[in-house]
Amino acid sequence: MILVRFEDGTFRKVPVDLLGKMIASGEITHFRRSSGWVDAAEDQVRTHFSPSYQGPERRRRPRGQGQ
């Protein structure tokens, strides 16, 4: 669960898997990370991954393999 702030100023904890949809729809203005509050409109946030991408996953490397 992640704490979010809605357009009307209210706060609520929501499931993490809904966060991307809520950001994209403009339903929330901020959400809480361990490092602090994130402005959903201004700060850099991840976007969800395209299910149509068929290439290799390059972001995660197995343990013990350097760059």
N, C-alpha and C. Protein backbone atom coordinates (compact mmCIF):
# COMPACT_ATOMS: atom_id res chain seq x y z
N MET A 1 0.84 -1.17 0.00
CA MET A 1 0.00 0.00 0.00
C MET A 1 0.89 1.24 0.00
N ILE A 2 0.40 2.27 -0.65
CA ILE A 2 1.17 3.51 -0.76
C ILE A 2 0.23 4.68 -0.48
N LEU A 3 0.73 5.65 0.25
CA LEU A 3 -0.08 6.81 0.61
C LEU A 3 -0.10 7.81 -0.54
N VAL A 4 -1.31 8.23 -0.94
CA VAL A 4 -1.47 9.18 -2.03
C VAL A 4 -2.31 10.37 -1.58
N ARG A 5 -2.15 11.48 -2.29
CA ARG A 5 -2.97 12.66 -2.05
C ARG A 5 -3.82 12.89 -3.30
N PHE A 6 -5.11 12.98 -3.12
CA PHE A 6 -6.03 13.18 -4.23
C PHE A 6 -6.20 14.66 -4.56
N GLU A 7 -6.77 14.94 -5.70
CA GLU A 7 -7.02 16.31 -6.17
C GLU A 7 -7.77 17.15 -5.13
N ASP A 8 -8.68 16.52 -4.38
CA ASP A 8 -9.48 17.27 -3.40
C ASP A 8 -8.76 17.49 -2.07
N GLY A 9 -7.49 17.03 -2.00
CA GLY A 9 -6.68 17.25 -0.80
C GLY A 9 -6.76 16.13 0.22
N THR A 10 -7.55 15.10 -0.03
CA THR A 10 -7.65 13.99 0.91
C THR A 10 -6.51 13.00 0.67
N PHE A 11 -6.23 12.22 1.69
CA PHE A 11 -5.17 11.22 1.64
C PHE A 11 -5.77 9.84 1.84
N ARG A 12 -5.15 8.84 1.18
CA ARG A 12 -5.60 7.46 1.36
C ARG A 12 -4.49 6.52 0.92
N LYS A 13 -4.43 5.36 1.54
CA LYS A 13 -3.50 4.33 1.11
C LYS A 13 -4.18 3.51 0.02
N VAL A 14 -3.44 3.27 -1.06
CA VAL A 14 -3.98 2.50 -2.19
C VAL A 14 -2.97 1.41 -2.56
N PRO A 15 -3.42 0.35 -3.21
CA PRO A 15 -2.49 -0.69 -3.65
C PRO A 15 -1.48 -0.13 -4.66
N VAL A 16 -0.23 -0.56 -4.55
CA VAL A 16 0.84 -0.07 -5.41
C VAL A 16 0.53 -0.29 -6.88
N ASP A 17 -0.13 -1.40 -7.21
CA ASP A 17 -0.40 -1.69 -8.62
C ASP A 17 -1.39 -0.72 -9.27
N LEU A 18 -2.08 0.10 -8.47
CA LEU A 18 -2.99 1.11 -9.02
C LEU A 18 -2.31 2.47 -9.23
N LEU A 19 -1.11 2.63 -8.70
CA LEU A 19 -0.45 3.94 -8.72
C LEU A 19 -0.27 4.49 -10.13
N GLY A 20 0.24 3.70 -11.04
CA GLY A 20 0.47 4.17 -12.41
C GLY A 20 -0.81 4.66 -13.08
N LYS A 21 -1.87 3.93 -12.90
CA LYS A 21 -3.17 4.32 -13.48
C LYS A 21 -3.65 5.64 -12.87
N MET A 22 -3.47 5.79 -11.58
CA MET A 22 -3.93 7.00 -10.89
C MET A 22 -3.11 8.22 -11.31
N ILE A 23 -1.82 8.02 -11.53
CA ILE A 23 -0.96 9.12 -12.00
C ILE A 23 -1.38 9.52 -13.41
N ALA A 24 -1.52 8.52 -14.28
CA ALA A 24 -1.88 8.78 -15.67
C ALA A 24 -3.23 9.48 -15.81
N SER A 25 -4.16 9.16 -14.95
CA SER A 25 -5.50 9.75 -15.04
C SER A 25 -5.57 11.13 -14.39
N GLY A 26 -4.52 11.52 -13.65
CA GLY A 26 -4.53 12.80 -12.97
C GLY A 26 -5.37 12.78 -11.71
N GLU A 27 -5.72 11.60 -11.27
CA GLU A 27 -6.57 11.42 -10.09
C GLU A 27 -5.86 11.82 -8.80
N ILE A 28 -4.53 11.67 -8.78
CA ILE A 28 -3.76 12.03 -7.59
C ILE A 28 -2.76 13.13 -7.92
N THR A 29 -2.42 13.90 -6.90
CA THR A 29 -1.45 14.97 -7.10
C THR A 29 -0.08 14.59 -6.56
N HIS A 30 -0.03 13.77 -5.52
CA HIS A 30 1.23 13.39 -4.88
C HIS A 30 1.14 11.95 -4.38
N PHE A 31 2.30 11.33 -4.22
CA PHE A 31 2.36 10.04 -3.54
C PHE A 31 3.64 9.99 -2.73
N ARG A 32 3.65 9.12 -1.73
CA ARG A 32 4.74 9.07 -0.77
C ARG A 32 5.73 7.95 -1.11
N ARG A 33 6.99 8.32 -1.29
CA ARG A 33 8.09 7.37 -1.43
C ARG A 33 8.85 7.36 -0.12
N SER A 34 9.75 6.41 0.04
CA SER A 34 10.56 6.38 1.27
C SER A 34 11.41 7.64 1.40
N SER A 35 11.74 8.27 0.26
CA SER A 35 12.56 9.48 0.28
C SER A 35 11.74 10.75 0.47
N GLY A 36 10.42 10.65 0.48
CA GLY A 36 9.56 11.81 0.68
C GLY A 36 8.42 11.86 -0.31
N TRP A 37 7.71 12.99 -0.33
CA TRP A 37 6.56 13.15 -1.21
C TRP A 37 7.00 13.45 -2.64
N VAL A 38 6.27 12.89 -3.59
CA VAL A 38 6.55 13.07 -5.01
C VAL A 38 5.35 13.78 -5.63
N ASP A 39 5.62 14.85 -6.37
CA ASP A 39 4.58 15.55 -7.12
C ASP A 39 4.34 14.74 -8.40
N ALA A 40 3.18 14.15 -8.53
CA ALA A 40 2.89 13.26 -9.65
C ALA A 40 2.92 13.97 -11.00
N ALA A 41 2.71 15.27 -11.03
CA ALA A 41 2.71 16.01 -12.29
C ALA A 41 4.09 16.55 -12.65
N GLU A 42 4.91 16.85 -11.67
CA GLU A 42 6.19 17.52 -11.91
C GLU A 42 7.41 16.62 -11.80
N ASP A 43 7.44 15.74 -10.81
CA ASP A 43 8.63 14.92 -10.57
C ASP A 43 8.68 13.74 -11.53
N GLN A 44 9.88 13.22 -11.73
CA GLN A 44 10.05 12.08 -12.62
C GLN A 44 9.48 10.83 -11.95
N VAL A 45 8.59 10.18 -12.64
CA VAL A 45 8.01 8.94 -12.15
C VAL A 45 8.10 7.89 -13.25
N ARG A 46 8.15 6.65 -12.85
CA ARG A 46 8.19 5.57 -13.83
C ARG A 46 6.87 5.46 -14.54
N THR A 47 6.93 5.03 -15.77
CA THR A 47 5.71 4.70 -16.47
C THR A 47 5.61 3.19 -16.54
N HIS A 48 4.44 2.68 -16.76
CA HIS A 48 4.32 1.22 -16.82
C HIS A 48 4.93 0.72 -18.13
N PHE A 49 5.30 -0.51 -18.11
CA PHE A 49 6.00 -1.09 -19.24
C PHE A 49 5.02 -1.58 -20.29
N SER A 50 5.42 -1.45 -21.53
CA SER A 50 4.58 -1.90 -22.63
C SER A 50 4.56 -3.42 -22.70
N PRO A 51 3.39 -4.03 -22.64
CA PRO A 51 3.33 -5.49 -22.72
C PRO A 51 3.72 -6.01 -24.11
N SER A 52 3.77 -5.14 -25.11
CA SER A 52 4.10 -5.58 -26.45
C SER A 52 5.60 -5.70 -26.68
N TYR A 53 6.41 -5.20 -25.75
CA TYR A 53 7.87 -5.28 -25.91
C TYR A 53 8.31 -6.73 -25.81
N GLN A 54 9.03 -7.20 -26.81
CA GLN A 54 9.44 -8.60 -26.87
C GLN A 54 10.95 -8.80 -26.65
N GLY A 55 11.69 -7.73 -26.42
CA GLY A 55 13.13 -7.83 -26.27
C GLY A 55 13.55 -8.29 -24.88
N PRO A 56 14.86 -8.42 -24.68
CA PRO A 56 15.36 -8.87 -23.38
C PRO A 56 15.23 -7.78 -22.32
N GLU A 57 15.06 -8.19 -21.09
CA GLU A 57 15.01 -7.26 -19.96
C GLU A 57 16.45 -6.84 -19.67
N ARG A 58 16.75 -5.54 -19.79
CA ARG A 58 18.12 -5.07 -19.60
C ARG A 58 18.30 -4.31 -18.29
N ARG A 59 17.25 -4.04 -17.59
CA ARG A 59 17.39 -3.25 -16.37
C ARG A 59 17.91 -4.06 -15.20
N ARG A 60 17.55 -5.30 -15.09
CA ARG A 60 18.01 -6.13 -13.98
C ARG A 60 19.05 -7.12 -14.48
N ARG A 61 20.12 -7.24 -13.75
CA ARG A 61 21.15 -8.20 -14.10
C ARG A 61 21.21 -9.24 -12.99
N PRO A 62 21.47 -10.48 -13.35
CA PRO A 62 21.64 -11.52 -12.32
C PRO A 62 22.77 -11.14 -11.38
N ARG A 63 22.68 -11.58 -10.16
CA ARG A 63 23.74 -11.30 -9.19
C ARG A 63 25.07 -11.84 -9.66
N GLY A 64 26.12 -11.10 -9.37
CA GLY A 64 27.45 -11.52 -9.71
C GLY A 64 27.90 -11.12 -11.11
N GLN A 65 27.01 -10.51 -11.87
CA GLN A 65 27.39 -10.05 -13.21
C GLN A 65 27.52 -8.55 -13.18
N GLY A 66 28.70 -8.06 -13.47
CA GLY A 66 28.95 -6.62 -13.48
C GLY A 66 28.41 -5.99 -14.74
N GLN A 67 28.64 -4.70 -14.84
CA GLN A 67 28.15 -3.97 -16.01
C GLN A 67 29.11 -4.02 -17.15
